[in-house]
């Protein structure tokens, strides 16, 4: 693990017990993500992408192997320690937005800041919502917002506490083309400005190619394609077909 690593993974294995016996979901994963990098993880459904994301974010524990997040060993933390680390260093963006229905847009963005003891939470939330073009929607509740607007609220909420690492699980998966592009633009702009490390799980090859690096998860194994796979239209088409499978 180097000093400028945001996430380091060594020989990560995740197995679960089933009626048919032990099932290995992740089989010897190794990766190193530098501070400030944007990384996409692609792969077909059931390949282990979401399982890996949950482990990296300290939401689950591996069967064996090591995970370091911002220099801290996740495998050495109890549940209280993992909760502290998530509070201090991690934010999330989900496909299903995960806004609190009973809170308006401003209150949704303020919530993590207030829980973390951030000073001037209201002013910072207003500024974040202005950054994502929603200064006119502060008092609107989630059911009064479009899907694209809800995801922009979620992005503002994710960045308000200035996380070290942002995990995004299919952040444009519930949006149409126009809204998907707008949300992606805002996500990458805020990520660049805040120098946050971005770990993105997606089926969208176009979105993945906006990240600095791409990994492919298949059958519990993680590989990083060379540059020709990213730039060759023929190879990219094959990857897109694999994604749709």
Protein backbone atom coordinates (compact mmCIF):
# COMPACT_ATOMS: atom_id res chain seq x y z
CA UNK A 1 0.00 0.00 0.00
CA UNK A 2 1.48 3.35 -1.05
CA UNK A 3 1.04 6.68 0.73
CA UNK A 4 -1.16 8.04 -2.07
CA UNK A 5 -3.56 5.09 -2.14
CA UNK A 6 -7.23 5.73 -1.40
CA UNK A 7 -8.15 2.02 -1.50
CA UNK A 8 -5.92 -1.04 -1.50
CA UNK A 9 -7.28 -4.57 -1.74
CA UNK A 10 -5.15 -7.69 -1.22
CA UNK A 11 -6.38 -11.19 -2.14
CA UNK A 12 -9.99 -10.46 -1.21
CA UNK A 13 -12.30 -13.49 -1.00
CA UNK A 14 -16.01 -13.52 -0.20
CA UNK A 15 -17.87 -16.80 0.16
CA UNK A 16 -21.37 -17.56 1.43
CA UNK A 17 -23.06 -20.79 2.50
CA UNK A 18 -25.88 -22.09 0.30
CA UNK A 19 -27.99 -25.25 0.24
CA UNK A 20 -25.71 -26.55 -2.50
CA UNK A 21 -22.58 -25.79 -0.49
CA UNK A 22 -20.17 -22.87 -0.25
CA UNK A 23 -20.47 -20.28 -3.03
CA UNK A 24 -17.46 -18.06 -3.77
CA UNK A 25 -18.65 -14.64 -4.94
CA UNK A 26 -15.26 -12.91 -5.04
CA UNK A 27 -12.16 -14.97 -5.73
CA UNK A 28 -8.83 -13.31 -4.93
CA UNK A 29 -9.48 -9.65 -5.79
CA UNK A 30 -6.50 -7.27 -5.90
CA UNK A 31 -6.69 -3.58 -6.73
CA UNK A 32 -5.11 -0.26 -5.83
CA UNK A 33 -6.92 3.05 -6.35
CA UNK A 34 -4.97 6.28 -5.98
CA UNK A 35 -6.21 9.36 -4.14
CA UNK A 36 -8.44 11.45 -6.41
CA UNK A 37 -8.83 8.78 -9.09
CA UNK A 38 -12.13 7.92 -10.73
CA UNK A 39 -12.63 4.19 -11.26
CA UNK A 40 -15.47 2.28 -12.91
CA UNK A 41 -16.35 -1.36 -12.24
CA UNK A 42 -18.32 -3.04 -15.02
CA UNK A 43 -19.68 -6.54 -15.36
CA UNK A 44 -22.82 -8.59 -15.94
CA UNK A 45 -25.45 -9.04 -13.24
CA UNK A 46 -24.37 -11.55 -10.62
CA UNK A 47 -20.66 -11.07 -11.29
CA UNK A 48 -19.95 -9.66 -7.82
CA UNK A 49 -19.83 -5.89 -8.49
CA UNK A 50 -22.22 -4.86 -5.75
CA UNK A 51 -20.67 -7.33 -3.31
CA UNK A 52 -17.26 -5.77 -3.92
CA UNK A 53 -18.67 -2.26 -3.49
CA UNK A 54 -20.23 -3.23 -0.16
CA UNK A 55 -16.93 -4.63 1.07
CA UNK A 56 -14.93 -1.58 -0.02
CA UNK A 57 -17.43 0.69 1.75
CA UNK A 58 -17.22 -1.30 5.01
CA UNK A 59 -20.86 -2.38 4.72
CA UNK A 60 -19.90 -6.07 4.77
CA UNK A 61 -16.96 -8.21 5.84
CA UNK A 62 -14.85 -10.45 3.60
CA UNK A 63 -14.21 -14.14 4.18
CA UNK A 64 -10.49 -13.40 3.92
CA UNK A 65 -8.14 -10.79 2.52
CA UNK A 66 -7.30 -7.18 3.33
CA UNK A 67 -8.93 -3.84 2.54
CA UNK A 68 -7.35 -0.47 3.36
CA UNK A 69 -9.42 2.70 2.97
CA UNK A 70 -7.49 5.97 3.24
CA UNK A 71 -4.75 4.05 5.03
CA UNK A 72 -7.08 2.42 7.58
CA UNK A 73 -7.39 -1.38 7.70
CA UNK A 74 -11.08 -2.31 7.43
CA UNK A 75 -10.35 -5.90 8.43
CA UNK A 76 -9.15 -4.64 11.81
CA UNK A 77 -12.34 -2.72 12.66
CA UNK A 78 -15.41 -3.82 14.58
CA UNK A 79 -18.88 -2.64 13.52
CA UNK A 80 -18.59 0.54 15.56
CA UNK A 81 -15.26 1.31 13.94
CA UNK A 82 -16.68 0.70 10.48
CA UNK A 83 -19.61 3.01 11.19
CA UNK A 84 -17.19 5.73 12.33
CA UNK A 85 -15.08 5.33 9.19
CA UNK A 86 -18.15 5.56 6.92
CA UNK A 87 -19.30 8.69 8.76
CA UNK A 88 -15.90 10.38 8.49
CA UNK A 89 -14.64 9.33 5.07
CA UNK A 90 -17.34 7.85 2.82
CA UNK A 91 -20.43 8.96 0.90
CA UNK A 92 -22.85 7.07 -1.35
CA UNK A 93 -24.99 7.67 -4.41
CA UNK A 94 -27.56 4.98 -5.25
CA UNK A 95 -29.59 4.14 -8.33
CA UNK A 96 -32.82 4.51 -6.34
CA UNK A 97 -31.83 7.96 -4.95
CA UNK A 98 -32.54 6.94 -1.29
CA UNK A 99 -33.89 10.35 -0.27
CA UNK A 100 -35.95 10.72 2.91
CA UNK A 101 -39.55 11.19 1.74
CA UNK A 102 -40.56 13.33 4.72
CA UNK A 103 -37.70 15.82 4.24
CA UNK A 104 -37.52 18.48 1.55
CA UNK A 105 -34.53 18.87 -0.76
CA UNK A 106 -32.68 21.24 1.56
CA UNK A 107 -33.28 19.05 4.61
CA UNK A 108 -32.15 15.92 2.75
CA UNK A 109 -28.83 17.57 1.88
CA UNK A 110 -28.42 19.03 5.37
CA UNK A 111 -29.01 15.70 7.12
CA UNK A 112 -25.54 14.08 6.81
CA UNK A 113 -23.87 17.41 7.57
CA UNK A 114 -25.89 17.83 10.75
CA UNK A 115 -25.20 14.24 11.82
CA UNK A 116 -21.47 14.84 11.29
CA UNK A 117 -21.48 18.11 13.18
CA UNK A 118 -20.61 20.25 10.16
CA UNK A 119 -20.84 23.96 10.96
CA UNK A 120 -23.21 26.12 8.91
CA UNK A 121 -24.94 23.01 7.54
CA UNK A 122 -27.87 24.97 6.11
CA UNK A 123 -25.68 27.45 4.24
CA UNK A 124 -23.51 24.66 2.84
CA UNK A 125 -26.57 22.66 1.77
CA UNK A 126 -28.00 25.70 -0.01
CA UNK A 127 -24.68 26.21 -1.80
CA UNK A 128 -24.52 22.54 -2.85
CA UNK A 129 -28.05 22.62 -4.22
CA UNK A 130 -27.18 25.77 -6.14
CA UNK A 131 -24.16 23.93 -7.62
CA UNK A 132 -26.48 21.24 -9.01
CA UNK A 133 -29.00 23.77 -10.33
CA UNK A 134 -31.71 23.29 -7.72
CA UNK A 135 -31.70 26.55 -5.77
CA UNK A 136 -35.35 26.99 -6.83
CA UNK A 137 -36.32 23.57 -5.38
CA UNK A 138 -35.13 23.88 -1.77
CA UNK A 139 -38.54 23.33 -0.17
CA UNK A 140 -39.77 20.64 -2.57
CA UNK A 141 -40.18 17.07 -1.31
CA UNK A 142 -38.89 14.06 -3.25
CA UNK A 143 -42.33 13.21 -4.66
CA UNK A 144 -42.45 16.73 -6.13
CA UNK A 145 -39.15 16.28 -7.98
CA UNK A 146 -38.35 14.49 -11.22
CA UNK A 147 -35.99 11.52 -11.21
CA UNK A 148 -33.15 13.66 -12.49
CA UNK A 149 -33.78 16.29 -9.83
CA UNK A 150 -33.87 13.66 -7.08
CA UNK A 151 -30.52 12.29 -8.19
CA UNK A 152 -29.06 15.80 -8.23
CA UNK A 153 -30.24 16.23 -4.63
CA UNK A 154 -28.55 12.91 -3.85
CA UNK A 155 -25.31 14.16 -5.43
CA UNK A 156 -25.43 17.37 -3.39
CA UNK A 157 -26.01 15.29 -0.25
CA UNK A 158 -23.08 13.00 -1.08
CA UNK A 159 -20.58 15.85 -1.46
CA UNK A 160 -21.63 18.13 1.41
CA UNK A 161 -19.36 16.39 3.95
CA UNK A 162 -16.38 16.38 1.54
CA UNK A 163 -15.84 12.61 1.58
CA UNK A 164 -12.50 10.99 0.93
CA UNK A 165 -14.19 8.28 -1.16
CA UNK A 166 -17.52 8.38 -2.99
CA UNK A 167 -19.19 5.10 -3.92
CA UNK A 168 -21.78 5.34 -6.71
CA UNK A 169 -23.94 2.31 -7.55
CA UNK A 170 -25.59 2.73 -10.98
CA UNK A 171 -26.08 6.49 -10.37
CA UNK A 172 -27.79 7.05 -13.75
CA UNK A 173 -29.56 3.70 -13.98
CA UNK A 174 -33.05 5.11 -13.34
CA UNK A 175 -32.73 8.12 -15.64
CA UNK A 176 -33.48 8.79 -19.29
CA UNK A 177 -30.72 9.80 -21.70
CA UNK A 178 -30.90 13.58 -21.24
CA UNK A 179 -31.11 13.42 -17.45
CA UNK A 180 -28.43 10.73 -17.35
CA UNK A 181 -25.97 12.98 -19.19
CA UNK A 182 -26.79 15.98 -16.98
CA UNK A 183 -26.40 14.02 -13.76
CA UNK A 184 -23.13 12.48 -14.98
CA UNK A 185 -21.76 15.92 -15.89
CA UNK A 186 -22.53 17.20 -12.39
CA UNK A 187 -21.11 14.11 -10.71
CA UNK A 188 -17.76 14.31 -12.50
CA UNK A 189 -17.52 18.09 -12.16
CA UNK A 190 -18.03 17.95 -8.40
CA UNK A 191 -15.69 14.99 -8.15
CA UNK A 192 -12.91 16.90 -9.91
CA UNK A 193 -13.47 20.06 -7.86
CA UNK A 194 -13.47 18.23 -4.52
CA UNK A 195 -10.62 15.83 -5.40
CA UNK A 196 -12.72 12.94 -4.10
CA UNK A 197 -11.87 9.37 -5.07
CA UNK A 198 -14.78 7.95 -7.08
CA UNK A 199 -15.64 4.24 -7.24
CA UNK A 200 -18.44 3.77 -9.75
CA UNK A 201 -20.39 0.57 -10.44
CA UNK A 202 -22.30 0.74 -13.72
CA UNK A 203 -23.63 -1.16 -16.72
CA UNK A 204 -23.20 1.98 -18.84
CA UNK A 205 -20.00 1.72 -20.89
CA UNK A 206 -20.20 5.39 -21.91
CA UNK A 207 -20.39 6.45 -18.28
CA UNK A 208 -17.58 4.07 -17.33
CA UNK A 209 -15.31 5.50 -20.02
CA UNK A 210 -15.56 8.91 -18.37
CA UNK A 211 -13.61 7.46 -15.45
CA UNK A 212 -9.83 7.42 -15.52
CA UNK A 213 -9.68 3.63 -15.11
CA UNK A 214 -12.06 0.75 -15.80
CA UNK A 215 -12.19 -2.69 -14.22
CA UNK A 216 -14.27 -5.64 -15.39
CA UNK A 217 -15.82 -8.04 -12.91
CA UNK A 218 -16.79 -11.46 -14.22
CA UNK A 219 -17.32 -14.73 -12.36
CA UNK A 220 -15.84 -13.30 -9.18
CA UNK A 221 -12.61 -12.14 -10.85
CA UNK A 222 -11.53 -8.53 -11.41
CA UNK A 223 -9.41 -7.52 -14.40
CA UNK A 224 -8.26 -4.18 -15.76
CA UNK A 225 -8.37 -4.01 -19.57
CA UNK A 226 -5.59 -2.35 -21.51
CA UNK A 227 -6.05 0.90 -23.41
CA UNK A 228 -7.00 -0.84 -26.66
CA UNK A 229 -10.17 -2.21 -25.08
CA UNK A 230 -11.23 1.30 -24.09
CA UNK A 231 -10.47 2.93 -27.43
CA UNK A 232 -11.17 0.20 -30.00
CA UNK A 233 -14.84 0.46 -31.12
CA UNK A 234 -14.93 -3.26 -31.95
CA UNK A 235 -13.67 -4.24 -28.50
CA UNK A 236 -15.93 -1.69 -26.83
CA UNK A 237 -18.88 -3.23 -28.63
CA UNK A 238 -17.98 -6.66 -27.30
CA UNK A 239 -17.76 -5.23 -23.80
CA UNK A 240 -21.14 -3.58 -24.20
CA UNK A 241 -22.61 -6.92 -25.26
CA UNK A 242 -21.13 -8.58 -22.21
CA UNK A 243 -22.62 -5.84 -20.03
CA UNK A 244 -26.09 -6.46 -21.42
CA UNK A 245 -25.91 -10.19 -20.77
